[in-house]
C-alpha cells in the first residue's frame, strides 16, 4: 500500500510538471458523456499513456486522456475514458486515477456511465441520478493493507451520494423537460451483458440500474472523503423480462450518444451550483 502512495505522488508530480492548471472539479466522461470534452475551454491535455502508473483505456468510444480547462466557469479536469475491472486491470489500477485527481486538489467528482434499466418505469434514454449502490464486483478496491494517508480502514458509506445535489439535478431536469429519476445502481464485473435471470435478480434486490463501472470509483472517492455526483443514461430496458431485446455495444453507444446533450446540460448546470 505504501507503493500505491508513492505511485500517486509520481503521477501527480508528472502532471504538475506538465501543466500548472489547478482543477477544482473532476469529471469522468463515461459512455454517454464523451463529447462534453469538446465544450471545455482546454488548457492542457495529457495522454494516459504518458502518465506514470496510469492504465490505458481499451474500450471503444473512450479517448484515453486527461483534459484540463474551464467548463461552466469552473476549473475542471475531465477523464476522457475510464478503466474497468473486466479489461484485466486490478481494482487498484481501475481506481488509481481517482486518487490522482484527489491529490491534484479536486473537491468534487462527477461520474457518468451507461447502464441497463431494471426498473420497469425506465425507458432507454432516461437519465438516472444514483442515490445508492449494491456492489457485486468480484473485488473491493480497498482490499489489502490500508494506508491512513489515503483514508480510513473502514469508511462509512451512509452518505456516499449527496441527495441534495441529486435534488438540484432533478429540478434542472424538470425545468428542461428531461425524463430523470433517482435510483440504485448495481455493479457487476462484466464484460458480458447480464442474463434474464440476472436482470430479474438485480430488480429483486432493489436495483434500478445495472452496469460494470462506477462503484469502485465511488468507493475510493468515499475512502478519500471526496463528494460524488453520479448520473447514468439508461441504454437498454432490462425489466420486465418480456422487454429485453438482444443488445450490441454499438446500440448501447448509439443510445448513449442520443441522450448525451441532456447529460451535458445537467452536468454544466450542476457545476454552477456545487
C-alpha atoms as a PDB file:
ATOM      1  CA  UNK A   1       0.000   0.000   0.000  1.00  0.00           C
ATOM      2  CA  UNK A   2       2.955   2.311   0.600  1.00  0.00           C
ATOM      3  CA  UNK A   3       3.857   1.675  -3.037  1.00  0.00           C
ATOM      4  CA  UNK A   4       0.412   2.974  -4.041  1.00  0.00           C
ATOM      5  CA  UNK A   5       1.031   6.241  -2.202  1.00  0.00           C
ATOM      6  CA  UNK A   6       4.381   6.655  -3.938  1.00  0.00           C
ATOM      7  CA  UNK A   7       2.842   5.898  -7.333  1.00  0.00           C
ATOM      8  CA  UNK A   8       0.195   8.584  -6.752  1.00  0.00           C
ATOM      9  CA  UNK A   9       2.867  11.133  -5.900  1.00  0.00           C
ATOM     10  CA  UNK A  10       4.863  10.224  -9.020  1.00  0.00           C
ATOM     11  CA  UNK A  11       1.802  10.612 -11.262  1.00  0.00           C
ATOM     12  CA  UNK A  12       0.865  13.931  -9.637  1.00  0.00           C
ATOM     13  CA  UNK A  13       4.431  15.222  -9.950  1.00  0.00           C
ATOM     14  CA  UNK A  14       4.450  14.410 -13.677  1.00  0.00           C
ATOM     15  CA  UNK A  15       1.112  16.128 -14.248  1.00  0.00           C
ATOM     16  CA  UNK A  16       2.148  19.242 -12.323  1.00  0.00           C
ATOM     17  CA  UNK A  17       5.367  19.367 -14.301  1.00  0.00           C
ATOM     18  CA  UNK A  18       3.292  19.229 -17.499  1.00  0.00           C
ATOM     19  CA  UNK A  19       0.676  21.821 -16.516  1.00  0.00           C
ATOM     20  CA  UNK A  20       0.279  24.457 -13.802  1.00  0.00           C
ATOM     21  CA  UNK A  21      -3.519  24.366 -14.161  1.00  0.00           C
ATOM     22  CA  UNK A  22      -5.195  23.722 -10.796  1.00  0.00           C
ATOM     23  CA  UNK A  23      -8.568  21.930 -11.191  1.00  0.00           C
ATOM     24  CA  UNK A  24     -11.303  22.164  -8.575  1.00  0.00           C
ATOM     25  CA  UNK A  25     -13.696  19.638 -10.088  1.00  0.00           C
ATOM     26  CA  UNK A  26     -13.209  16.223 -11.642  1.00  0.00           C
ATOM     27  CA  UNK A  27     -15.437  14.610 -14.279  1.00  0.00           C
ATOM     28  CA  UNK A  28     -15.340  11.034 -15.541  1.00  0.00           C
ATOM     29  CA  UNK A  29     -16.621  11.033 -19.118  1.00  0.00           C
ATOM     30  CA  UNK A  30     -18.033   7.544 -19.403  1.00  0.00           C
ATOM     31  CA  UNK A  31     -20.118   6.175 -22.229  1.00  0.00           C
ATOM     32  CA  UNK A  32     -22.706   8.854 -22.879  1.00  0.00           C
ATOM     33  CA  UNK A  33     -20.709  11.941 -21.944  1.00  0.00           C
ATOM     34  CA  UNK A  34     -17.580  11.818 -24.094  1.00  0.00           C
ATOM     35  CA  UNK A  35     -18.495  14.854 -26.191  1.00  0.00           C
ATOM     36  CA  UNK A  36     -18.522  17.074 -23.112  1.00  0.00           C
ATOM     37  CA  UNK A  37     -14.763  17.322 -23.585  1.00  0.00           C
ATOM     38  CA  UNK A  38     -15.448  19.394 -26.720  1.00  0.00           C
ATOM     39  CA  UNK A  39     -17.167  22.055 -24.599  1.00  0.00           C
ATOM     40  CA  UNK A  40     -14.217  22.519 -22.259  1.00  0.00           C
ATOM     41  CA  UNK A  41     -12.019  25.558 -22.881  1.00  0.00           C
ATOM     42  CA  UNK A  42      -8.930  23.390 -22.976  1.00  0.00           C
ATOM     43  CA  UNK A  43      -5.765  24.468 -21.179  1.00  0.00           C
ATOM     44  CA  UNK A  44      -3.911  21.166 -21.457  1.00  0.00           C
ATOM     45  CA  UNK A  45      -4.453  17.540 -22.468  1.00  0.00           C
ATOM     46  CA  UNK A  46      -2.296  14.642 -21.259  1.00  0.00           C
ATOM     47  CA  UNK A  47      -2.463  11.145 -22.706  1.00  0.00           C
ATOM     48  CA  UNK A  48      -2.962   8.382 -20.159  1.00  0.00           C
ATOM     49  CA  UNK A  49      -0.035   6.565 -21.709  1.00  0.00           C
ATOM     50  CA  UNK A  50       2.309   9.400 -20.701  1.00  0.00           C
ATOM     51  CA  UNK A  51       1.315   9.489 -17.023  1.00  0.00           C
ATOM     52  CA  UNK A  52       3.353   7.235 -14.715  1.00  0.00           C
ATOM     53  CA  UNK A  53       1.389   4.187 -13.499  1.00  0.00           C
ATOM     54  CA  UNK A  54      -1.802   5.128 -15.412  1.00  0.00           C
ATOM     55  CA  UNK A  55      -3.530   2.265 -17.212  1.00  0.00           C
ATOM     56  CA  UNK A  56      -4.507   2.698 -20.875  1.00  0.00           C
ATOM     57  CA  UNK A  57      -8.200   2.509 -21.816  1.00  0.00           C
ATOM     58  CA  UNK A  58      -9.063  -0.318 -24.207  1.00  0.00           C
ATOM     59  CA  UNK A  59     -12.784   0.349 -24.507  1.00  0.00           C
ATOM     60  CA  UNK A  60     -14.477   1.515 -27.686  1.00  0.00           C
ATOM     61  CA  UNK A  61     -15.502   5.231 -27.523  1.00  0.00           C
ATOM     62  CA  UNK A  62     -13.054   6.057 -24.687  1.00  0.00           C
ATOM     63  CA  UNK A  63     -10.394   8.570 -25.785  1.00  0.00           C
ATOM     64  CA  UNK A  64      -7.824   7.948 -23.067  1.00  0.00           C
ATOM     65  CA  UNK A  65      -6.641  11.352 -21.884  1.00  0.00           C
ATOM     66  CA  UNK A  66      -6.940  13.920 -19.112  1.00  0.00           C
ATOM     67  CA  UNK A  67      -8.443  17.213 -20.267  1.00  0.00           C
ATOM     68  CA  UNK A  68      -7.763  20.327 -18.167  1.00  0.00           C
ATOM     69  CA  UNK A  69      -9.739  23.508 -18.707  1.00  0.00           C
ATOM     70  CA  UNK A  70     -12.781  25.663 -17.975  1.00  0.00           C
ATOM     71  CA  UNK A  71     -16.355  24.372 -18.116  1.00  0.00           C
ATOM     72  CA  UNK A  72     -19.387  26.361 -16.945  1.00  0.00           C
ATOM     73  CA  UNK A  73     -16.976  28.853 -15.424  1.00  0.00           C
ATOM     74  CA  UNK A  74     -15.285  26.219 -13.257  1.00  0.00           C
ATOM     75  CA  UNK A  75     -11.779  24.775 -13.380  1.00  0.00           C
ATOM     76  CA  UNK A  76     -12.143  21.102 -14.265  1.00  0.00           C
ATOM     77  CA  UNK A  77     -10.118  18.052 -15.144  1.00  0.00           C
ATOM     78  CA  UNK A  78     -12.015  15.508 -17.208  1.00  0.00           C
ATOM     79  CA  UNK A  79     -11.137  11.872 -17.656  1.00  0.00           C
ATOM     80  CA  UNK A  80     -11.937  11.210 -21.315  1.00  0.00           C
ATOM     81  CA  UNK A  81     -12.283   7.482 -20.826  1.00  0.00           C
ATOM     82  CA  UNK A  82     -12.214   5.258 -17.745  1.00  0.00           C
ATOM     83  CA  UNK A  83     -10.968   1.813 -16.788  1.00  0.00           C
ATOM     84  CA  UNK A  84     -12.894  -1.343 -15.965  1.00  0.00           C
ATOM     85  CA  UNK A  85     -12.110  -4.479 -13.994  1.00  0.00           C
ATOM     86  CA  UNK A  86     -13.154  -6.605 -16.981  1.00  0.00           C
ATOM     87  CA  UNK A  87     -10.316  -5.129 -19.050  1.00  0.00           C
ATOM     88  CA  UNK A  88      -7.940  -7.173 -16.900  1.00  0.00           C
ATOM     89  CA  UNK A  89      -6.811  -4.393 -14.594  1.00  0.00           C
ATOM     90  CA  UNK A  90      -6.719  -4.767 -10.824  1.00  0.00           C
ATOM     91  CA  UNK A  91      -9.101  -2.671  -8.759  1.00  0.00           C
ATOM     92  CA  UNK A  92      -6.110  -0.595  -7.646  1.00  0.00           C
ATOM     93  CA  UNK A  93      -5.380   0.237 -11.293  1.00  0.00           C
ATOM     94  CA  UNK A  94      -9.044   0.894 -12.112  1.00  0.00           C
ATOM     95  CA  UNK A  95      -9.339   3.441  -9.322  1.00  0.00           C
ATOM     96  CA  UNK A  96      -5.812   4.876  -9.448  1.00  0.00           C
ATOM     97  CA  UNK A  97      -6.899   7.956 -11.473  1.00  0.00           C
ATOM     98  CA  UNK A  98      -9.465   8.889  -8.808  1.00  0.00           C
ATOM     99  CA  UNK A  99      -6.719   9.043  -6.201  1.00  0.00           C
ATOM    100  CA  UNK A 100      -4.556  11.123  -8.531  1.00  0.00           C
ATOM    101  CA  UNK A 101      -7.400  13.593  -9.149  1.00  0.00           C
ATOM    102  CA  UNK A 102      -7.925  13.945  -5.396  1.00  0.00           C
ATOM    103  CA  UNK A 103      -4.209  14.637  -4.874  1.00  0.00           C
ATOM    104  CA  UNK A 104      -4.371  17.208  -7.675  1.00  0.00           C
ATOM    105  CA  UNK A 105      -6.781  19.125  -5.449  1.00  0.00           C
ATOM    106  CA  UNK A 106     -10.278  18.500  -6.803  1.00  0.00           C
ATOM    107  CA  UNK A 107     -13.026  18.935  -4.230  1.00  0.00           C
ATOM    108  CA  UNK A 108     -15.912  17.303  -6.090  1.00  0.00           C
ATOM    109  CA  UNK A 109     -16.231  14.442  -8.588  1.00  0.00           C
ATOM    110  CA  UNK A 110     -18.909  13.881 -11.239  1.00  0.00           C
ATOM    111  CA  UNK A 111     -19.166  10.374 -12.677  1.00  0.00           C
ATOM    112  CA  UNK A 112     -21.177   9.335 -15.721  1.00  0.00           C
ATOM    113  CA  UNK A 113     -21.981   5.908 -17.114  1.00  0.00           C
ATOM    114  CA  UNK A 114     -24.280   3.928 -19.359  1.00  0.00           C
ATOM    115  CA  UNK A 115     -26.424   1.285 -17.678  1.00  0.00           C
ATOM    116  CA  UNK A 116     -29.216  -1.182 -18.201  1.00  0.00           C
ATOM    117  CA  UNK A 117     -32.549  -0.240 -16.664  1.00  0.00           C
ATOM    118  CA  UNK A 118     -34.004  -2.837 -14.276  1.00  0.00           C
ATOM    119  CA  UNK A 119     -36.776  -0.528 -13.072  1.00  0.00           C
ATOM    120  CA  UNK A 120     -39.871  -1.124 -15.226  1.00  0.00           C
ATOM    121  CA  UNK A 121     -40.604   2.622 -15.237  1.00  0.00           C
ATOM    122  CA  UNK A 122     -37.321   3.409 -17.029  1.00  0.00           C
ATOM    123  CA  UNK A 123     -37.037   3.715 -20.803  1.00  0.00           C
ATOM    124  CA  UNK A 124     -33.942   3.830 -22.969  1.00  0.00           C
ATOM    125  CA  UNK A 125     -32.601   7.395 -22.984  1.00  0.00           C
ATOM    126  CA  UNK A 126     -33.783   8.256 -19.454  1.00  0.00           C
ATOM    127  CA  UNK A 127     -31.314   9.877 -17.051  1.00  0.00           C
ATOM    128  CA  UNK A 128     -30.928   8.483 -13.535  1.00  0.00           C
ATOM    129  CA  UNK A 129     -29.090  10.127 -10.633  1.00  0.00           C
ATOM    130  CA  UNK A 130     -27.632   7.435  -8.403  1.00  0.00           C
ATOM    131  CA  UNK A 131     -28.681   7.633  -4.757  1.00  0.00           C
ATOM    132  CA  UNK A 132     -27.171   4.347  -3.571  1.00  0.00           C
ATOM    133  CA  UNK A 133     -25.490   1.231  -4.875  1.00  0.00           C
ATOM    134  CA  UNK A 134     -25.109  -2.514  -4.412  1.00  0.00           C
ATOM    135  CA  UNK A 135     -21.566  -3.730  -5.007  1.00  0.00           C
ATOM    136  CA  UNK A 136     -21.444  -7.186  -6.605  1.00  0.00           C
ATOM    137  CA  UNK A 137     -17.971  -6.809  -8.118  1.00  0.00           C
ATOM    138  CA  UNK A 138     -15.545  -9.659  -7.589  1.00  0.00           C
ATOM    139  CA  UNK A 139     -13.062  -7.487  -5.689  1.00  0.00           C
ATOM    140  CA  UNK A 140     -13.168  -4.392  -3.488  1.00  0.00           C
ATOM    141  CA  UNK A 141     -10.664  -1.605  -4.325  1.00  0.00           C
ATOM    142  CA  UNK A 142      -9.899  -1.174  -0.605  1.00  0.00           C
ATOM    143  CA  UNK A 143      -8.884  -4.819  -0.135  1.00  0.00           C
ATOM    144  CA  UNK A 144      -5.430  -5.225   1.376  1.00  0.00           C
ATOM    145  CA  UNK A 145      -3.369  -3.153   3.825  1.00  0.00           C
ATOM    146  CA  UNK A 146      -4.795   0.317   4.425  1.00  0.00           C
ATOM    147  CA  UNK A 147      -2.700   3.479   4.162  1.00  0.00           C
ATOM    148  CA  UNK A 148      -4.131   6.057   6.565  1.00  0.00           C
ATOM    149  CA  UNK A 149      -2.657   8.829   4.382  1.00  0.00           C
ATOM    150  CA  UNK A 150      -5.284   7.888   1.790  1.00  0.00           C
ATOM    151  CA  UNK A 151      -8.262   7.224   4.043  1.00  0.00           C
ATOM    152  CA  UNK A 152      -9.633   5.192   6.971  1.00  0.00           C
ATOM    153  CA  UNK A 153      -9.603   1.392   7.174  1.00  0.00           C
ATOM    154  CA  UNK A 154     -13.407   1.184   7.383  1.00  0.00           C
ATOM    155  CA  UNK A 155     -15.016   4.137   5.542  1.00  0.00           C
ATOM    156  CA  UNK A 156     -18.690   4.671   6.302  1.00  0.00           C
ATOM    157  CA  UNK A 157     -20.961   4.522   3.228  1.00  0.00           C
ATOM    158  CA  UNK A 158     -24.150   6.069   4.642  1.00  0.00           C
ATOM    159  CA  UNK A 159     -23.870   9.424   2.870  1.00  0.00           C
ATOM    160  CA  UNK A 160     -21.849   8.327  -0.139  1.00  0.00           C
ATOM    161  CA  UNK A 161     -24.191  10.042  -2.599  1.00  0.00           C
ATOM    162  CA  UNK A 162     -25.234  13.651  -1.987  1.00  0.00           C
ATOM    163  CA  UNK A 163     -29.032  13.632  -2.149  1.00  0.00           C
ATOM    164  CA  UNK A 164     -29.064  17.449  -2.070  1.00  0.00           C
ATOM    165  CA  UNK A 165     -27.158  17.575  -5.366  1.00  0.00           C
ATOM    166  CA  UNK A 166     -29.492  14.919  -6.762  1.00  0.00           C
ATOM    167  CA  UNK A 167     -32.485  17.041  -5.813  1.00  0.00           C
ATOM    168  CA  UNK A 168     -30.989  20.005  -7.670  1.00  0.00           C
ATOM    169  CA  UNK A 169     -30.333  17.784 -10.678  1.00  0.00           C
ATOM    170  CA  UNK A 170     -33.943  16.591 -10.678  1.00  0.00           C
ATOM    171  CA  UNK A 171     -35.100  20.229 -10.609  1.00  0.00           C
ATOM    172  CA  UNK A 172     -32.829  21.052 -13.554  1.00  0.00           C
ATOM    173  CA  UNK A 173     -34.203  18.095 -15.487  1.00  0.00           C
ATOM    174  CA  UNK A 174     -37.788  19.123 -14.784  1.00  0.00           C
ATOM    175  CA  UNK A 175     -37.168  22.697 -15.962  1.00  0.00           C
ATOM    176  CA  UNK A 176     -35.715  21.393 -19.224  1.00  0.00           C
ATOM    177  CA  UNK A 177     -38.371  18.677 -19.621  1.00  0.00           C
ATOM    178  CA  UNK A 178     -35.871  15.836 -19.347  1.00  0.00           C
ATOM    179  CA  UNK A 179     -37.098  12.464 -18.069  1.00  0.00           C
ATOM    180  CA  UNK A 180     -34.984  11.835 -14.979  1.00  0.00           C
ATOM    181  CA  UNK A 181     -35.137   9.731 -11.813  1.00  0.00           C
ATOM    182  CA  UNK A 182     -33.170   8.803  -8.709  1.00  0.00           C
ATOM    183  CA  UNK A 183     -32.150   5.174  -8.460  1.00  0.00           C
ATOM    184  CA  UNK A 184     -29.956   2.403  -7.082  1.00  0.00           C
ATOM    185  CA  UNK A 185     -27.040   1.222  -9.236  1.00  0.00           C
ATOM    186  CA  UNK A 186     -25.911  -2.409  -9.059  1.00  0.00           C
ATOM    187  CA  UNK A 187     -22.365  -3.169 -10.201  1.00  0.00           C
ATOM    188  CA  UNK A 188     -21.339  -6.460 -11.793  1.00  0.00           C
ATOM    189  CA  UNK A 189     -17.979  -7.495 -13.211  1.00  0.00           C
ATOM    190  CA  UNK A 190     -18.888  -7.929 -16.916  1.00  0.00           C
ATOM    191  CA  UNK A 191     -17.937  -7.776 -19.748  1.00  0.00           C
ATOM    192  CA  UNK A 192     -20.893  -9.871 -20.869  1.00  0.00           C
ATOM    193  CA  UNK A 193     -24.315  -8.309 -20.610  1.00  0.00           C
ATOM    194  CA  UNK A 194     -26.498  -9.874 -17.962  1.00  0.00           C
ATOM    195  CA  UNK A 195     -28.765 -12.883 -18.421  1.00  0.00           C
ATOM    196  CA  UNK A 196     -32.535 -12.510 -17.944  1.00  0.00           C
ATOM    197  CA  UNK A 197     -32.191 -14.307 -14.597  1.00  0.00           C
ATOM    198  CA  UNK A 198     -29.521 -11.829 -13.530  1.00  0.00           C
ATOM    199  CA  UNK A 199     -31.675  -8.853 -14.582  1.00  0.00           C
ATOM    200  CA  UNK A 200     -34.505 -10.347 -12.522  1.00  0.00           C
ATOM    201  CA  UNK A 201     -32.137 -10.779  -9.564  1.00  0.00           C
ATOM    202  CA  UNK A 202     -30.938  -7.159  -9.802  1.00  0.00           C
ATOM    203  CA  UNK A 203     -34.545  -5.951  -9.852  1.00  0.00           C
ATOM    204  CA  UNK A 204     -35.472  -8.204  -6.910  1.00  0.00           C
ATOM    205  CA  UNK A 205     -32.676  -6.879  -4.671  1.00  0.00           C
ATOM    206  CA  UNK A 206     -33.759  -3.292  -5.272  1.00  0.00           C
ATOM    207  CA  UNK A 207     -31.578  -2.329  -8.221  1.00  0.00           C
ATOM    208  CA  UNK A 208     -32.881   0.219 -10.712  1.00  0.00           C
ATOM    209  CA  UNK A 209     -29.739   0.119 -12.872  1.00  0.00           C
ATOM    210  CA  UNK A 210     -27.048  -2.410 -13.668  1.00  0.00           C
ATOM    211  CA  UNK A 211     -23.587  -1.689 -15.032  1.00  0.00           C
ATOM    212  CA  UNK A 212     -19.907  -2.627 -14.998  1.00  0.00           C
ATOM    213  CA  UNK A 213     -18.201   0.506 -13.669  1.00  0.00           C
ATOM    214  CA  UNK A 214     -18.591   3.431 -11.249  1.00  0.00           C
ATOM    215  CA  UNK A 215     -18.879   1.627  -7.903  1.00  0.00           C
ATOM    216  CA  UNK A 216     -15.126   1.014  -7.470  1.00  0.00           C
ATOM    217  CA  UNK A 217     -14.522   4.683  -8.311  1.00  0.00           C
ATOM    218  CA  UNK A 218     -17.172   5.783  -5.829  1.00  0.00           C
ATOM    219  CA  UNK A 219     -15.771   3.591  -3.046  1.00  0.00           C
ATOM    220  CA  UNK A 220     -12.301   5.059  -3.479  1.00  0.00           C
ATOM    221  CA  UNK A 221     -13.704   8.595  -3.636  1.00  0.00           C
ATOM    222  CA  UNK A 222     -15.555   7.927  -0.396  1.00  0.00           C
ATOM    223  CA  UNK A 223     -12.396   6.492   1.142  1.00  0.00           C
ATOM    224  CA  UNK A 224     -10.709   9.854   0.466  1.00  0.00           C
ATOM    225  CA  UNK A 225     -13.720  11.930   1.573  1.00  0.00           C
ATOM    226  CA  UNK A 226     -14.342  13.177  -1.970  1.00  0.00           C
ATOM    227  CA  UNK A 227     -18.016  14.058  -2.689  1.00  0.00           C
ATOM    228  CA  UNK A 228     -19.510  12.458  -5.792  1.00  0.00           C
ATOM    229  CA  UNK A 229     -22.421  13.063  -8.150  1.00  0.00           C
ATOM    230  CA  UNK A 230     -23.263  10.111 -10.394  1.00  0.00           C
ATOM    231  CA  UNK A 231     -25.579  10.159 -13.381  1.00  0.00           C
ATOM    232  CA  UNK A 232     -26.442   7.242 -15.640  1.00  0.00           C
ATOM    233  CA  UNK A 233     -28.082   7.075 -19.027  1.00  0.00           C
ATOM    234  CA  UNK A 234     -30.364   4.077 -19.485  1.00  0.00           C
ATOM    235  CA  UNK A 235     -29.252   2.476 -22.743  1.00  0.00           C
ATOM    236  CA  UNK A 236     -31.410  -0.639 -22.741  1.00  0.00           C
ATOM    237  CA  UNK A 237     -34.603  -1.691 -20.996  1.00  0.00           C
ATOM    238  CA  UNK A 238     -33.960  -4.827 -18.940  1.00  0.00           C
ATOM    239  CA  UNK A 239     -37.187  -5.193 -16.969  1.00  0.00           C
ATOM    240  CA  UNK A 240     -39.789  -6.608 -17.176  1.00  0.00           C
ATOM    241  CA  UNK A 241     -38.114  -9.619 -18.734  1.00  0.00           C
ATOM    242  CA  UNK A 242     -40.534  -9.508 -21.677  1.00  0.00           C
ATOM    243  CA  UNK A 243     -38.998  -6.143 -22.649  1.00  0.00           C
ATOM    244  CA  UNK A 244     -35.456  -7.492 -23.044  1.00  0.00           C
ATOM    245  CA  UNK A 245     -34.055  -7.493 -26.563  1.00  0.00           C
ATOM    246  CA  UNK A 246     -30.722  -8.647 -27.966  1.00  0.00           C
ATOM    247  CA  UNK A 247     -28.336  -5.711 -27.415  1.00  0.00           C
ATOM    248  CA  UNK A 248     -24.985  -4.882 -29.008  1.00  0.00           C
ATOM    249  CA  UNK A 249     -22.288  -2.495 -27.804  1.00  0.00           C
ATOM    250  CA  UNK A 250     -22.891  -0.344 -30.902  1.00  0.00           C
ATOM    251  CA  UNK A 251     -26.555   0.010 -29.931  1.00  0.00           C
ATOM    252  CA  UNK A 252     -25.599   0.946 -26.368  1.00  0.00           C
ATOM    253  CA  UNK A 253     -23.210   3.634 -27.635  1.00  0.00           C
ATOM    254  CA  UNK A 254     -25.804   4.935 -30.119  1.00  0.00           C
ATOM    255  CA  UNK A 255     -28.451   5.293 -27.387  1.00  0.00           C
ATOM    256  CA  UNK A 256     -25.960   6.972 -25.048  1.00  0.00           C
ATOM    257  CA  UNK A 257     -24.894   9.428 -27.737  1.00  0.00           C
ATOM    258  CA  UNK A 258     -28.512  10.324 -28.428  1.00  0.00           C
ATOM    259  CA  UNK A 259     -29.019  11.146 -24.750  1.00  0.00           C
ATOM    260  CA  UNK A 260     -25.707  12.960 -24.425  1.00  0.00           C
ATOM    261  CA  UNK A 261     -26.998  16.537 -24.927  1.00  0.00           C
ATOM    262  CA  UNK A 262     -29.260  16.050 -21.895  1.00  0.00           C
ATOM    263  CA  UNK A 263     -26.363  14.720 -19.824  1.00  0.00           C
ATOM    264  CA  UNK A 264     -24.113  17.621 -20.838  1.00  0.00           C
ATOM    265  CA  UNK A 265     -26.736  20.202 -19.925  1.00  0.00           C
ATOM    266  CA  UNK A 266     -27.298  18.711 -16.480  1.00  0.00           C
ATOM    267  CA  UNK A 267     -23.580  18.394 -15.694  1.00  0.00           C
ATOM    268  CA  UNK A 268     -22.885  22.001 -16.667  1.00  0.00           C
ATOM    269  CA  UNK A 269     -25.808  23.297 -14.610  1.00  0.00           C
ATOM    270  CA  UNK A 270     -24.733  21.255 -11.576  1.00  0.00           C
ATOM    271  CA  UNK A 271     -21.184  22.587 -11.868  1.00  0.00           C
ATOM    272  CA  UNK A 272     -22.582  26.097 -11.443  1.00  0.00           C
ATOM    273  CA  UNK A 273     -24.161  25.060  -8.134  1.00  0.00           C
ATOM    274  CA  UNK A 274     -21.589  22.881  -6.368  1.00  0.00           C
END
